[in-house]
Amino acid sequence: MAGLLPAAIAVIVVAAILLAALGVVMACGLSVLAIRGARLDAEWWDSILPGAGAALTRVPSEPCRSSDSGPGGPRST
């Protein structure tokens, strides 16, 4: 029982290191794709995260407003 806490901490640390390494590899892969100008289609995103492809291809129903109006309304100059 005394060695259970250090073992649990070691497992958590190793898992965190592996997850961080996976994040670095994923970021490198996506940056290589971006440099090459490649695009990941909606079907690929749907294979990873169901519903993500539909969110990427959705067109906003309302156009973006001018940047001069913020939370306080239009600025007067």
Protein backbone atom coordinates (compact mmCIF):
# COMPACT_ATOMS: atom_id res chain seq x y z
CA MET A 1 0.00 0.00 0.00
CA ALA A 2 2.90 2.35 0.69
CA GLY A 3 4.24 2.07 -2.85
CA LEU A 4 0.87 2.68 -4.48
CA LEU A 5 1.00 6.48 -4.44
CA PRO A 6 4.46 6.78 -6.05
CA ALA A 7 3.45 4.23 -8.68
CA ALA A 8 0.28 6.16 -9.48
CA ILE A 9 2.24 9.41 -9.73
CA ALA A 10 4.76 7.73 -12.04
CA VAL A 11 1.99 6.44 -14.31
CA ILE A 12 0.40 9.90 -14.46
CA VAL A 13 3.75 11.56 -15.26
CA VAL A 14 4.54 9.06 -18.02
CA ALA A 15 1.04 9.48 -19.51
CA ALA A 16 1.42 13.28 -19.44
CA ILE A 17 4.79 13.09 -21.20
CA LEU A 18 3.37 10.79 -23.88
CA LEU A 19 0.36 13.05 -24.39
CA ALA A 20 2.62 16.09 -24.73
CA ALA A 21 4.79 14.25 -27.27
CA LEU A 22 1.68 13.29 -29.24
CA GLY A 23 0.62 16.95 -29.28
CA VAL A 24 4.00 18.01 -30.63
CA VAL A 25 3.87 15.35 -33.36
CA MET A 26 0.32 16.40 -34.31
CA ALA A 27 1.29 20.08 -34.46
CA CYS A 28 4.31 19.26 -36.65
CA GLY A 29 2.17 17.20 -39.00
CA LEU A 30 -0.47 19.90 -39.35
CA SER A 31 2.19 22.56 -39.93
CA VAL A 32 3.75 20.45 -42.70
CA LEU A 33 0.32 20.19 -44.31
CA ALA A 34 -0.18 23.95 -43.99
CA ILE A 35 3.21 24.68 -45.54
CA ARG A 36 2.41 22.41 -48.49
CA GLY A 37 -0.94 24.11 -48.93
CA ALA A 38 -2.88 20.88 -48.44
CA ARG A 39 -6.41 20.88 -47.06
CA LEU A 40 -8.09 18.31 -44.86
CA ASP A 41 -11.55 17.63 -46.24
CA ALA A 42 -14.69 17.50 -44.13
CA GLU A 43 -14.78 13.71 -44.56
CA TRP A 44 -11.40 13.40 -42.84
CA TRP A 45 -12.51 15.53 -39.91
CA ASP A 46 -15.73 13.50 -39.66
CA SER A 47 -13.67 10.32 -39.43
CA ILE A 48 -11.82 11.77 -36.44
CA LEU A 49 -14.61 13.75 -34.74
CA PRO A 50 -18.17 12.98 -35.85
CA GLY A 51 -19.94 16.22 -36.78
CA ALA A 52 -16.77 18.30 -37.09
CA GLY A 53 -16.84 18.29 -40.89
CA ALA A 54 -20.33 19.75 -40.95
CA ALA A 55 -19.23 22.53 -38.62
CA LEU A 56 -16.31 23.37 -40.92
CA THR A 57 -18.46 23.60 -44.04
CA ARG A 58 -21.29 25.56 -42.42
CA VAL A 59 -21.78 29.05 -43.82
CA PRO A 60 -22.64 31.79 -41.33
CA SER A 61 -26.22 32.99 -41.71
CA GLU A 62 -25.31 36.59 -40.98
CA PRO A 63 -22.33 38.49 -42.39
CA CYS A 64 -19.70 39.80 -40.00
CA ARG A 65 -20.23 43.31 -38.79
CA SER A 66 -17.78 46.14 -39.01
CA SER A 67 -14.93 46.08 -36.49
CA ASP A 68 -15.75 49.60 -35.26
CA SER A 69 -18.72 48.35 -33.24
CA GLY A 70 -17.77 46.49 -30.09
CA PRO A 71 -19.58 45.51 -26.94
CA GLY A 72 -20.41 49.17 -26.22
CA GLY A 73 -21.92 49.80 -29.65
CA PRO A 74 -20.56 51.91 -32.50
CA ARG A 75 -17.77 54.28 -31.70
CA SER A 76 -18.34 57.96 -32.29
CA THR A 77 -15.36 59.96 -33.48
